[in-house]
Amino acid sequence: MIKEGKKYLVTTDNWFIAPDGNQYRCAWGTCNLKTTQEIFNFTPLKPSTNWFMEVGGNGKKIIIGGCQIHFVIECENLPEDEFKNVSYIDKDTGVSQKMSRIYIAE
C-alpha cells in the first residue's frame, strides 16, 4: 500500500522526459496519489486511467499516469545512481540503451 507523503522510487514502463529535458525511467521523491478528477477536473470512462502518482516537490514535481507505473519501492533515502552514464547493448536487437536513470524530484 502506498503511504501518502512517503518517499518512493517509481519505475515506469516507458522513458519519460523530465522538466530538465533529459530522459528517465525512474523517479524518486515524496509520493501522493491523485485522481484524474483532481488533476484534470474530469472523470474518465476507463478505470485504468483514473489515477496518477505525484512525485516530488519544491518545483521539481512530476505526475506519472497510473497505467505507466511498473514498480514502486519505498525508499526514504536518496538512491545511488550508479548507472547514470552506463549503457548496455540489447543482445537481440543490438540497440544500445542507457541503464535506468533516476529523476530526483525533490
Protein backbone atom coordinates (compact mmCIF):
# COMPACT_ATOMS: atom_id res chain seq x y z
CA MET A 1 0.00 0.00 0.00
CA ILE A 2 1.30 3.45 -0.94
CA LYS A 3 1.53 5.70 2.10
CA GLU A 4 0.85 9.35 1.33
CA GLY A 5 3.85 11.63 1.87
CA LYS A 6 6.46 8.81 1.97
CA LYS A 7 9.40 8.69 -0.43
CA TYR A 8 9.40 6.06 -3.16
CA LEU A 9 11.46 5.00 -6.14
CA VAL A 10 8.96 4.69 -9.02
CA THR A 11 9.91 2.78 -12.17
CA THR A 12 7.87 3.47 -15.29
CA ASP A 13 7.06 1.24 -18.24
CA ASN A 14 8.47 3.76 -20.70
CA TRP A 15 11.06 6.52 -20.80
CA PHE A 16 9.76 9.97 -19.96
CA ILE A 17 11.20 13.43 -20.45
CA ALA A 18 11.52 15.37 -17.20
CA PRO A 19 11.47 19.16 -16.79
CA ASP A 20 15.28 19.23 -17.14
CA GLY A 21 14.94 17.93 -20.72
CA ASN A 22 16.57 14.55 -20.01
CA GLN A 23 15.02 11.10 -20.36
CA TYR A 24 14.43 8.86 -17.36
CA ARG A 25 12.82 5.52 -16.46
CA CYS A 26 12.57 6.17 -12.70
CA ALA A 27 11.59 8.99 -10.39
CA TRP A 28 12.34 9.38 -6.70
CA GLY A 29 10.65 11.63 -4.19
CA THR A 30 7.70 12.17 -1.90
CA CYS A 31 4.66 10.49 -3.46
CA ASN A 32 0.96 11.22 -3.31
CA LEU A 33 -1.83 9.51 -5.22
CA LYS A 34 -4.23 11.73 -7.17
CA THR A 35 -7.39 11.07 -9.14
CA THR A 36 -7.95 12.24 -12.70
CA GLN A 37 -10.66 14.48 -11.30
CA GLU A 38 -8.08 16.21 -9.05
CA ILE A 39 -5.51 16.60 -11.84
CA PHE A 40 -7.64 17.33 -14.94
CA ASN A 41 -11.07 18.10 -13.48
CA PHE A 42 -12.93 15.29 -15.27
CA THR A 43 -13.75 11.63 -14.63
CA PRO A 44 -12.59 9.22 -17.37
CA LEU A 45 -14.71 6.34 -18.64
CA LYS A 46 -11.94 3.74 -18.31
CA PRO A 47 -10.91 2.86 -14.74
CA SER A 48 -7.29 2.24 -15.77
CA THR A 49 -6.85 5.98 -16.38
CA ASN A 50 -8.46 7.27 -13.22
CA TRP A 51 -5.38 7.77 -11.04
CA PHE A 52 -1.91 9.31 -11.10
CA MET A 53 1.12 9.43 -8.84
CA GLU A 54 2.52 12.83 -7.98
CA VAL A 55 6.25 12.56 -7.25
CA GLY A 56 8.35 15.28 -5.64
CA GLY A 57 8.01 18.88 -4.65
CA ASN A 58 9.97 22.12 -4.41
CA GLY A 59 9.40 22.92 -8.08
CA LYS A 60 10.58 19.51 -9.36
CA LYS A 61 7.23 17.74 -9.12
CA ILE A 62 6.18 15.33 -11.88
CA ILE A 63 2.93 13.44 -12.36
CA ILE A 64 3.00 9.86 -13.66
CA GLY A 65 -0.08 8.11 -15.04
CA GLY A 66 -1.02 5.05 -13.00
CA CYS A 67 -1.01 2.94 -16.16
CA GLN A 68 2.70 3.76 -16.68
CA ILE A 69 3.90 2.67 -13.23
CA HIS A 70 5.75 -0.64 -13.24
CA PHE A 71 7.40 -0.82 -9.81
CA VAL A 72 7.09 1.24 -6.63
CA ILE A 73 9.69 0.74 -3.90
CA GLU A 74 9.58 2.56 -0.57
CA CYS A 75 12.91 4.36 -0.43
CA GLU A 76 13.29 7.10 2.20
CA ASN A 77 16.91 7.86 1.30
CA LEU A 78 18.15 9.24 -1.99
CA PRO A 79 19.11 6.24 -4.16
CA GLU A 80 22.62 5.97 -5.51
CA ASP A 81 22.57 6.46 -9.27
CA GLU A 82 25.49 4.19 -10.13
CA PHE A 83 24.28 3.57 -13.68
CA LYS A 84 23.69 7.18 -14.72
CA ASN A 85 26.25 7.13 -17.54
CA VAL A 86 26.35 3.40 -18.24
CA SER A 87 24.68 1.76 -21.21
CA TYR A 88 24.15 -1.79 -22.40
CA ILE A 89 23.59 -3.37 -25.80
CA ASP A 90 20.50 -5.50 -26.25
CA LYS A 91 21.68 -8.96 -27.34
CA ASP A 92 18.73 -9.50 -29.70
CA THR A 93 18.43 -6.12 -31.40
CA GLY A 94 21.94 -4.71 -30.99
CA VAL A 95 20.39 -1.43 -29.81
CA SER A 96 22.39 0.48 -27.22
CA GLN A 97 20.34 1.78 -24.29
CA LYS A 98 21.21 3.63 -21.13
CA MET A 99 20.63 1.84 -17.88
CA SER A 100 17.70 3.11 -15.86
CA ARG A 101 18.18 6.77 -14.95
CA ILE A 102 16.55 8.26 -11.87
CA TYR A 103 14.89 11.67 -11.88
CA ILE A 104 15.32 13.19 -8.42
CA ALA A 105 12.06 15.05 -7.86
CA GLU A 106 12.83 16.77 -4.55
